[in-house]
Amino acid sequence: MRQVKLGYLILLTLPQIKAGSIIMDLFDRKIIGWSMSNNMTAVDTVVRAWDMAVINRKPEQNLIMHSDRGVQYACEHFKSVLGNFDVIQSMSGKGNCWDNAVAESFFKILKSEMVYNNHFANHLQAKNAIFEFIEIWYNRDRIHSALGYISPQKYYDNYFLKIA
């Protein structure tokens, strides 16, 4: 089975958080890696999200890591991180935003359902709220039409119940 992971970096307007990066497994739409940073370096954004993704789901053979053409994903450091796992790197074509629509949709949901409805006093408060949104709400409870109106976790669990 070929796995595809989608990486995305976005600028955020939260206290002391300038950038957010996610790694989403396109199989079940689960956010398996994420980071929030006060800078835009690859190490503090995409590499940190990748490290979390590797802990949550070990990369399998033929894994494709797709992202936009951001400098954090295109830099030699991130390429070497992916190379350590024999991951095939894929990037959007210039001016082609459609293949990142799933990640764009996630950040729209994050902003409209959580960020815009809250005021955060500091970095830690914002990061804790984002943790709760992703790990408690989005991955476990929020339903997705693309998954048959069940949550990413339920979809994942159902798949492995079927093949067991």
N, C-alpha and C. Protein backbone atom coordinates (compact mmCIF):
# COMPACT_ATOMS: atom_id res chain seq x y z
N MET A 1 0.84 -1.18 0.00
CA MET A 1 0.00 0.00 0.00
C MET A 1 0.89 1.24 0.00
N ARG A 2 0.62 2.16 -0.88
CA ARG A 2 1.39 3.40 -0.95
C ARG A 2 0.77 4.42 -0.01
N GLN A 3 1.58 5.00 0.86
CA GLN A 3 1.11 6.01 1.79
C GLN A 3 1.43 7.39 1.25
N VAL A 4 0.53 8.32 1.49
CA VAL A 4 0.79 9.71 1.13
C VAL A 4 0.56 10.56 2.36
N LYS A 5 1.55 11.36 2.69
CA LYS A 5 1.45 12.31 3.78
C LYS A 5 1.50 13.69 3.16
N LEU A 6 0.75 14.60 3.71
CA LEU A 6 0.70 15.96 3.21
C LEU A 6 1.27 16.88 4.26
N GLY A 7 2.26 17.67 3.89
CA GLY A 7 2.85 18.64 4.79
C GLY A 7 2.45 20.03 4.39
N TYR A 8 2.24 20.88 5.36
CA TYR A 8 1.83 22.24 5.05
C TYR A 8 2.28 23.18 6.14
N LEU A 9 2.70 24.35 5.76
CA LEU A 9 3.13 25.39 6.67
C LEU A 9 2.29 26.62 6.42
N ILE A 10 1.83 27.25 7.48
CA ILE A 10 1.00 28.45 7.34
C ILE A 10 1.45 29.51 8.35
N LEU A 11 1.29 30.75 7.97
CA LEU A 11 1.54 31.84 8.90
C LEU A 11 0.32 32.02 9.78
N LEU A 12 0.53 32.15 11.08
CA LEU A 12 -0.57 32.33 12.02
C LEU A 12 -0.46 33.70 12.68
N THR A 13 -1.56 34.22 13.13
CA THR A 13 -1.56 35.49 13.84
C THR A 13 -2.04 35.24 15.27
N LEU A 14 -1.18 34.58 16.03
CA LEU A 14 -1.45 34.28 17.43
C LEU A 14 -0.28 34.82 18.25
N PRO A 15 -0.48 35.06 19.54
CA PRO A 15 0.62 35.59 20.36
C PRO A 15 1.85 34.70 20.30
N GLN A 16 2.93 35.25 19.85
CA GLN A 16 4.24 34.60 19.81
C GLN A 16 4.25 33.32 18.97
N ILE A 17 3.24 33.07 18.17
CA ILE A 17 3.24 31.93 17.25
C ILE A 17 3.11 32.51 15.85
N LYS A 18 4.19 32.41 15.09
CA LYS A 18 4.18 32.98 13.75
C LYS A 18 3.89 31.94 12.68
N ALA A 19 4.19 30.68 12.99
CA ALA A 19 4.04 29.64 11.96
C ALA A 19 3.50 28.36 12.57
N GLY A 20 2.67 27.71 11.80
CA GLY A 20 2.16 26.40 12.19
C GLY A 20 2.40 25.44 11.05
N SER A 21 2.82 24.23 11.37
CA SER A 21 3.09 23.23 10.36
C SER A 21 2.37 21.94 10.75
N ILE A 22 1.79 21.27 9.75
CA ILE A 22 1.13 20.00 10.01
C ILE A 22 1.63 18.94 9.03
N ILE A 23 1.55 17.70 9.47
CA ILE A 23 1.71 16.54 8.59
C ILE A 23 0.39 15.77 8.74
N MET A 24 -0.32 15.63 7.64
CA MET A 24 -1.60 14.93 7.63
C MET A 24 -1.45 13.65 6.83
N ASP A 25 -1.98 12.56 7.37
CA ASP A 25 -2.02 11.31 6.63
C ASP A 25 -3.28 11.36 5.76
N LEU A 26 -3.11 11.34 4.46
CA LEU A 26 -4.26 11.46 3.56
C LEU A 26 -5.16 10.22 3.57
N PHE A 27 -4.66 9.11 4.10
CA PHE A 27 -5.49 7.91 4.22
C PHE A 27 -6.72 8.18 5.09
N ASP A 28 -6.50 8.80 6.24
CA ASP A 28 -7.60 9.00 7.19
C ASP A 28 -7.77 10.45 7.64
N ARG A 29 -7.04 11.36 7.02
CA ARG A 29 -7.12 12.79 7.30
C ARG A 29 -6.67 13.16 8.72
N LYS A 30 -5.96 12.26 9.37
CA LYS A 30 -5.51 12.52 10.73
C LYS A 30 -4.25 13.38 10.72
N ILE A 31 -4.20 14.36 11.60
CA ILE A 31 -2.99 15.16 11.78
C ILE A 31 -2.07 14.32 12.65
N ILE A 32 -0.99 13.81 12.05
CA ILE A 32 -0.10 12.92 12.78
C ILE A 32 1.16 13.63 13.27
N GLY A 33 1.38 14.84 12.80
CA GLY A 33 2.50 15.65 13.25
C GLY A 33 2.14 17.11 13.11
N TRP A 34 2.56 17.91 14.06
CA TRP A 34 2.28 19.34 13.99
C TRP A 34 3.28 20.10 14.84
N SER A 35 3.44 21.36 14.52
CA SER A 35 4.31 22.23 15.32
C SER A 35 3.80 23.66 15.24
N MET A 36 4.05 24.38 16.28
CA MET A 36 3.76 25.82 16.33
C MET A 36 5.06 26.49 16.75
N SER A 37 5.44 27.51 16.03
CA SER A 37 6.75 28.12 16.28
C SER A 37 6.67 29.64 16.22
N ASN A 38 7.60 30.28 16.90
CA ASN A 38 7.69 31.73 16.82
C ASN A 38 8.69 32.17 15.76
N ASN A 39 9.18 31.21 14.96
CA ASN A 39 10.04 31.55 13.81
C ASN A 39 9.71 30.63 12.65
N MET A 40 10.32 30.89 11.52
CA MET A 40 9.98 30.16 10.30
C MET A 40 11.08 29.18 9.87
N THR A 41 11.99 28.81 10.75
CA THR A 41 13.05 27.90 10.35
C THR A 41 12.48 26.49 10.11
N ALA A 42 13.13 25.76 9.22
CA ALA A 42 12.70 24.39 8.93
C ALA A 42 12.77 23.52 10.18
N VAL A 43 13.82 23.69 10.99
CA VAL A 43 13.99 22.87 12.19
C VAL A 43 12.83 23.07 13.17
N ASP A 44 12.37 24.29 13.33
CA ASP A 44 11.32 24.58 14.30
C ASP A 44 9.90 24.43 13.74
N THR A 45 9.79 24.17 12.46
CA THR A 45 8.45 24.03 11.87
C THR A 45 8.29 22.63 11.28
N VAL A 46 8.72 22.44 10.05
CA VAL A 46 8.43 21.19 9.34
C VAL A 46 9.19 19.99 9.89
N VAL A 47 10.41 20.19 10.35
CA VAL A 47 11.17 19.06 10.91
C VAL A 47 10.54 18.61 12.22
N ARG A 48 10.13 19.55 13.05
CA ARG A 48 9.48 19.20 14.31
C ARG A 48 8.16 18.46 14.04
N ALA A 49 7.38 18.93 13.07
CA ALA A 49 6.14 18.23 12.72
C ALA A 49 6.44 16.83 12.17
N TRP A 50 7.48 16.71 11.35
CA TRP A 50 7.87 15.41 10.80
C TRP A 50 8.28 14.45 11.92
N ASP A 51 9.08 14.94 12.87
CA ASP A 51 9.52 14.09 13.98
C ASP A 51 8.32 13.53 14.75
N MET A 52 7.32 14.37 14.99
CA MET A 52 6.12 13.91 15.66
C MET A 52 5.38 12.88 14.81
N ALA A 53 5.30 13.12 13.51
CA ALA A 53 4.62 12.19 12.61
C ALA A 53 5.30 10.82 12.61
N VAL A 54 6.62 10.80 12.66
CA VAL A 54 7.37 9.54 12.67
C VAL A 54 7.08 8.77 13.96
N ILE A 55 6.94 9.47 15.07
CA ILE A 55 6.61 8.81 16.34
C ILE A 55 5.19 8.24 16.27
N ASN A 56 4.27 8.99 15.69
CA ASN A 56 2.86 8.56 15.66
C ASN A 56 2.58 7.47 14.63
N ARG A 57 3.27 7.52 13.51
CA ARG A 57 3.09 6.51 12.45
C ARG A 57 4.43 6.30 11.77
N LYS A 58 4.97 5.16 11.96
CA LYS A 58 6.27 4.86 11.34
C LYS A 58 6.14 4.89 9.82
N PRO A 59 7.04 5.61 9.13
CA PRO A 59 6.98 5.65 7.66
C PRO A 59 7.18 4.26 7.07
N GLU A 60 6.31 3.91 6.13
CA GLU A 60 6.43 2.63 5.44
C GLU A 60 7.10 2.84 4.09
N GLN A 61 7.44 1.74 3.47
CA GLN A 61 8.06 1.77 2.15
C GLN A 61 7.13 2.47 1.16
N ASN A 62 7.70 3.21 0.23
CA ASN A 62 6.96 3.94 -0.81
C ASN A 62 6.16 5.13 -0.30
N LEU A 63 6.50 5.64 0.87
CA LEU A 63 5.82 6.81 1.41
C LEU A 63 6.10 8.03 0.54
N ILE A 64 5.06 8.75 0.20
CA ILE A 64 5.19 10.02 -0.52
C ILE A 64 4.87 11.14 0.44
N MET A 65 5.76 12.10 0.54
CA MET A 65 5.55 13.29 1.37
C MET A 65 5.30 14.45 0.42
N HIS A 66 4.06 14.92 0.36
CA HIS A 66 3.71 16.01 -0.53
C HIS A 66 3.59 17.31 0.25
N SER A 67 4.03 18.39 -0.35
CA SER A 67 3.93 19.71 0.29
C SER A 67 3.87 20.79 -0.77
N ASP A 68 3.69 22.00 -0.29
CA ASP A 68 3.82 23.13 -1.20
C ASP A 68 5.32 23.37 -1.44
N ARG A 69 5.65 24.46 -2.13
CA ARG A 69 7.04 24.71 -2.50
C ARG A 69 7.75 25.63 -1.52
N GLY A 70 7.25 25.70 -0.29
CA GLY A 70 7.86 26.56 0.72
C GLY A 70 9.32 26.22 0.97
N VAL A 71 10.08 27.23 1.33
CA VAL A 71 11.52 27.06 1.52
C VAL A 71 11.82 26.05 2.62
N GLN A 72 10.94 25.94 3.62
CA GLN A 72 11.19 24.99 4.71
C GLN A 72 11.14 23.54 4.19
N TYR A 73 10.25 23.27 3.24
CA TYR A 73 10.16 21.92 2.67
C TYR A 73 11.23 21.67 1.60
N ALA A 74 11.66 22.73 0.93
CA ALA A 74 12.62 22.59 -0.16
C ALA A 74 14.07 22.62 0.29
N CYS A 75 14.33 22.99 1.54
CA CYS A 75 15.72 23.14 1.99
C CYS A 75 16.43 21.78 2.09
N GLU A 76 17.73 21.82 2.01
CA GLU A 76 18.54 20.60 2.06
C GLU A 76 18.37 19.85 3.37
N HIS A 77 18.19 20.57 4.47
CA HIS A 77 18.04 19.91 5.76
C HIS A 77 16.81 19.00 5.77
N PHE A 78 15.68 19.52 5.32
CA PHE A 78 14.46 18.70 5.32
C PHE A 78 14.56 17.56 4.31
N LYS A 79 15.18 17.84 3.17
CA LYS A 79 15.39 16.76 2.18
C LYS A 79 16.21 15.62 2.78
N SER A 80 17.23 15.96 3.56
CA SER A 80 18.06 14.91 4.17
C SER A 80 17.29 14.17 5.26
N VAL A 81 16.43 14.86 5.99
CA VAL A 81 15.59 14.19 6.99
C VAL A 81 14.71 13.16 6.30
N LEU A 82 14.06 13.55 5.21
CA LEU A 82 13.22 12.60 4.46
C LEU A 82 14.06 11.46 3.87
N GLY A 83 15.25 11.81 3.40
CA GLY A 83 16.14 10.81 2.82
C GLY A 83 16.53 9.72 3.80
N ASN A 84 16.61 10.06 5.08
CA ASN A 84 16.93 9.06 6.11
C ASN A 84 15.86 7.97 6.20
N PHE A 85 14.67 8.26 5.70
CA PHE A 85 13.56 7.30 5.74
C PHE A 85 13.19 6.79 4.35
N ASP A 86 13.99 7.12 3.34
CA ASP A 86 13.70 6.75 1.95
C ASP A 86 12.31 7.21 1.50
N VAL A 87 11.96 8.41 1.90
CA VAL A 87 10.66 9.00 1.55
C VAL A 87 10.77 9.69 0.20
N ILE A 88 9.75 9.52 -0.62
CA ILE A 88 9.68 10.20 -1.91
C ILE A 88 9.07 11.58 -1.68
N GLN A 89 9.81 12.62 -2.00
CA GLN A 89 9.30 13.98 -1.79
C GLN A 89 8.59 14.46 -3.05
N SER A 90 7.43 15.05 -2.85
CA SER A 90 6.61 15.59 -3.93
C SER A 90 6.23 17.01 -3.56
N MET A 91 6.26 17.89 -4.55
CA MET A 91 5.88 19.28 -4.30
C MET A 91 4.91 19.76 -5.37
N SER A 92 4.10 20.72 -4.98
CA SER A 92 3.15 21.32 -5.92
C SER A 92 3.89 21.97 -7.07
N GLY A 93 3.23 22.04 -8.20
CA GLY A 93 3.77 22.82 -9.30
C GLY A 93 3.60 24.31 -8.99
N LYS A 94 4.39 25.15 -9.63
CA LYS A 94 4.27 26.58 -9.41
C LYS A 94 2.86 27.05 -9.73
N GLY A 95 2.28 27.79 -8.79
CA GLY A 95 0.94 28.35 -9.00
C GLY A 95 -0.18 27.34 -8.90
N ASN A 96 0.13 26.10 -8.51
CA ASN A 96 -0.89 25.07 -8.41
C ASN A 96 -1.21 24.81 -6.94
N CYS A 97 -2.23 25.46 -6.44
CA CYS A 97 -2.58 25.32 -5.04
C CYS A 97 -3.60 24.22 -4.78
N TRP A 98 -4.15 23.63 -5.83
CA TRP A 98 -5.26 22.69 -5.65
C TRP A 98 -4.85 21.42 -4.93
N ASP A 99 -3.62 20.96 -5.14
CA ASP A 99 -3.23 19.71 -4.51
C ASP A 99 -2.91 19.87 -3.02
N ASN A 100 -3.00 21.07 -2.49
CA ASN A 100 -2.86 21.30 -1.05
C ASN A 100 -4.21 21.66 -0.42
N ALA A 101 -5.28 21.41 -1.14
CA ALA A 101 -6.61 21.82 -0.67
C ALA A 101 -6.98 21.18 0.66
N VAL A 102 -6.56 19.95 0.89
CA VAL A 102 -6.91 19.27 2.14
C VAL A 102 -6.25 19.99 3.33
N ALA A 103 -4.99 20.38 3.17
CA ALA A 103 -4.31 21.11 4.25
C ALA A 103 -4.90 22.50 4.42
N GLU A 104 -5.18 23.17 3.32
CA GLU A 104 -5.82 24.50 3.40
C GLU A 104 -7.15 24.39 4.14
N SER A 105 -7.90 23.34 3.87
CA SER A 105 -9.17 23.11 4.52
C SER A 105 -8.99 22.93 6.03
N PHE A 106 -7.96 22.17 6.42
CA PHE A 106 -7.70 21.99 7.85
C PHE A 106 -7.44 23.33 8.53
N PHE A 107 -6.58 24.17 7.94
CA PHE A 107 -6.27 25.44 8.58
C PHE A 107 -7.48 26.38 8.59
N LYS A 108 -8.35 26.28 7.61
CA LYS A 108 -9.59 27.05 7.62
C LYS A 108 -10.45 26.61 8.80
N ILE A 109 -10.54 25.31 9.01
CA ILE A 109 -11.32 24.77 10.13
C ILE A 109 -10.69 25.19 11.45
N LEU A 110 -9.38 25.07 11.58
CA LEU A 110 -8.69 25.48 12.80
C LEU A 110 -8.99 26.94 13.13
N LYS A 111 -8.87 27.79 12.13
CA LYS A 111 -9.10 29.21 12.37
C LYS A 111 -10.56 29.52 12.69
N SER A 112 -11.48 28.97 11.90
CA SER A 112 -12.89 29.32 12.09
C SER A 112 -13.51 28.67 13.32
N GLU A 113 -13.08 27.48 13.67
CA GLU A 113 -13.68 26.78 14.80
C GLU A 113 -12.96 27.02 16.12
N MET A 114 -11.71 27.49 16.08
CA MET A 114 -10.98 27.67 17.33
C MET A 114 -10.29 29.02 17.46
N VAL A 115 -9.45 29.37 16.52
CA VAL A 115 -8.63 30.58 16.67
C VAL A 115 -9.47 31.85 16.76
N TYR A 116 -10.39 32.05 15.81
CA TYR A 116 -11.15 33.29 15.76
C TYR A 116 -12.13 33.45 16.91
N ASN A 117 -12.43 32.36 17.62
CA ASN A 117 -13.38 32.41 18.72
C ASN A 117 -12.72 32.56 20.08
N ASN A 118 -11.41 32.73 20.11
CA ASN A 118 -10.67 32.79 21.37
C ASN A 118 -9.67 33.92 21.37
N HIS A 119 -9.34 34.38 22.55
CA HIS A 119 -8.25 35.33 22.74
C HIS A 119 -7.22 34.65 23.63
N PHE A 120 -5.99 34.61 23.19
CA PHE A 120 -4.94 33.93 23.94
C PHE A 120 -4.01 34.96 24.56
N ALA A 121 -3.76 34.82 25.84
CA ALA A 121 -2.92 35.77 26.56
C ALA A 121 -1.44 35.57 26.27
N ASN A 122 -1.06 34.35 25.91
CA ASN A 122 0.37 34.08 25.69
C ASN A 122 0.56 32.86 24.81
N HIS A 123 1.81 32.59 24.50
CA HIS A 123 2.20 31.48 23.62
C HIS A 123 1.72 30.14 24.17
N LEU A 124 1.94 29.89 25.44
CA LEU A 124 1.57 28.61 26.04
C LEU A 124 0.06 28.37 25.97
N GLN A 125 -0.71 29.39 26.24
CA GLN A 125 -2.16 29.25 26.18
C GLN A 125 -2.62 28.93 24.75
N ALA A 126 -2.05 29.60 23.77
CA ALA A 126 -2.40 29.34 22.37
C ALA A 126 -1.98 27.92 21.97
N LYS A 127 -0.78 27.52 22.34
CA LYS A 127 -0.29 26.19 21.98
C LYS A 127 -1.13 25.09 22.64
N ASN A 128 -1.52 25.28 23.89
CA ASN A 128 -2.37 24.30 24.58
C ASN A 128 -3.74 24.19 23.90
N ALA A 129 -4.29 25.31 23.48
CA ALA A 129 -5.59 25.29 22.80
C ALA A 129 -5.48 24.57 21.46
N ILE A 130 -4.39 24.80 20.74
CA ILE A 130 -4.18 24.12 19.46
C ILE A 130 -3.97 22.62 19.68
N PHE A 131 -3.23 22.26 20.72
CA PHE A 131 -3.08 20.85 21.06
C PHE A 131 -4.45 20.20 21.29
N GLU A 132 -5.28 20.81 22.11
CA GLU A 132 -6.60 20.26 22.39
C GLU A 132 -7.45 20.17 21.12
N PHE A 133 -7.37 21.20 20.29
CA PHE A 133 -8.16 21.18 19.05
C PHE A 133 -7.75 20.02 18.16
N ILE A 134 -6.44 19.85 17.94
CA ILE A 134 -5.97 18.80 17.04
C ILE A 134 -6.12 17.42 17.65
N GLU A 135 -5.55 17.23 18.83
CA GLU A 135 -5.44 15.89 19.41
C GLU A 135 -6.74 15.38 20.04
N ILE A 136 -7.55 16.27 20.57
CA ILE A 136 -8.78 15.84 21.23
C ILE A 136 -9.98 15.97 20.29
N TRP A 137 -10.14 17.11 19.65
CA TRP A 137 -11.34 17.36 18.85
C TRP A 137 -11.19 16.87 17.40
N TYR A 138 -10.23 17.42 16.67
CA TYR A 138 -10.14 17.16 15.23
C TYR A 138 -9.87 15.69 14.93
N ASN A 139 -8.86 15.11 15.54
CA ASN A 139 -8.48 13.73 15.23
C ASN A 139 -9.47 12.70 15.77
N ARG A 140 -10.07 12.96 16.90
CA ARG A 140 -10.89 11.94 17.56
C ARG A 140 -12.40 12.09 17.35
N ASP A 141 -12.87 13.33 17.23
CA ASP A 141 -14.32 13.53 17.24
C ASP A 141 -14.90 14.23 16.01
N ARG A 142 -14.14 15.09 15.37
CA ARG A 142 -14.71 15.87 14.26
C ARG A 142 -14.95 14.96 13.06
N ILE A 143 -16.18 14.97 12.56
CA ILE A 143 -16.52 14.12 11.43
C ILE A 143 -16.10 14.77 10.11
N HIS A 144 -15.83 13.92 9.12
CA HIS A 144 -15.38 14.37 7.81
C HIS A 144 -16.24 13.72 6.74
N SER A 145 -16.75 14.52 5.84
CA SER A 145 -17.57 13.97 4.76
C SER A 145 -16.75 13.01 3.90
N ALA A 146 -15.47 13.31 3.68
CA ALA A 146 -14.61 12.44 2.85
C ALA A 146 -14.40 11.07 3.47
N LEU A 147 -14.66 10.95 4.77
CA LEU A 147 -14.47 9.68 5.47
C LEU A 147 -15.79 8.99 5.78
N GLY A 148 -16.86 9.44 5.14
CA GLY A 148 -18.17 8.84 5.40
C GLY A 148 -18.80 9.35 6.69
N TYR A 149 -18.48 10.57 7.04
CA TYR A 149 -19.05 11.24 8.22
C TYR A 149 -18.67 10.55 9.52
N ILE A 150 -17.41 10.16 9.61
CA ILE A 150 -16.85 9.69 10.87
C ILE A 150 -15.52 10.42 11.09
N SER A 151 -14.98 10.30 12.29
CA SER A 151 -13.73 11.00 12.63
C SER A 151 -12.52 10.25 12.03
N PRO A 152 -11.39 10.94 11.93
CA PRO A 152 -10.18 10.26 11.45
C PRO A 152 -9.82 9.03 12.29
N GLN A 153 -9.92 9.14 13.60
CA GLN A 153 -9.58 8.01 14.45
C GLN A 153 -10.52 6.83 14.23
N LYS A 154 -11.80 7.12 14.11
CA LYS A 154 -12.79 6.06 13.88
C LYS A 154 -12.54 5.39 12.52
N TYR A 155 -12.22 6.19 11.51
CA TYR A 155 -11.92 5.64 10.18
C TYR A 155 -10.72 4.70 10.25
N TYR A 156 -9.67 5.13 10.92
CA TYR A 156 -8.45 4.33 11.09
C TYR A 156 -8.77 3.04 11.83
N ASP A 157 -9.50 3.15 12.94
CA ASP A 157 -9.85 1.97 13.73
C ASP A 157 -10.70 1.00 12.91
N ASN A 158 -11.69 1.51 12.18
CA ASN A 158 -12.55 0.66 11.37
C ASN A 158 -11.76 -0.09 10.30
N TYR A 159 -10.80 0.58 9.68
CA TYR A 159 -9.98 -0.05 8.64
C TYR A 159 -9.23 -1.25 9.21
N PHE A 160 -8.60 -1.07 10.37
CA PHE A 160 -7.81 -2.16 10.93
C PHE A 160 -8.68 -3.24 11.55
N LEU A 161 -9.89 -2.94 11.93
CA LEU A 161 -10.82 -3.99 12.37
C LEU A 161 -11.21 -4.88 11.18
N LYS A 162 -11.37 -4.28 10.01
CA LYS A 162 -11.76 -5.02 8.81
C LYS A 162 -10.65 -5.97 8.33
N ILE A 163 -9.40 -5.55 8.46
CA ILE A 163 -8.32 -6.39 7.93
C ILE A 163 -7.78 -7.36 8.98
N ALA A 164 -8.21 -7.23 10.20
CA ALA A 164 -7.69 -8.11 11.28
C ALA A 164 -8.29 -9.50 11.21
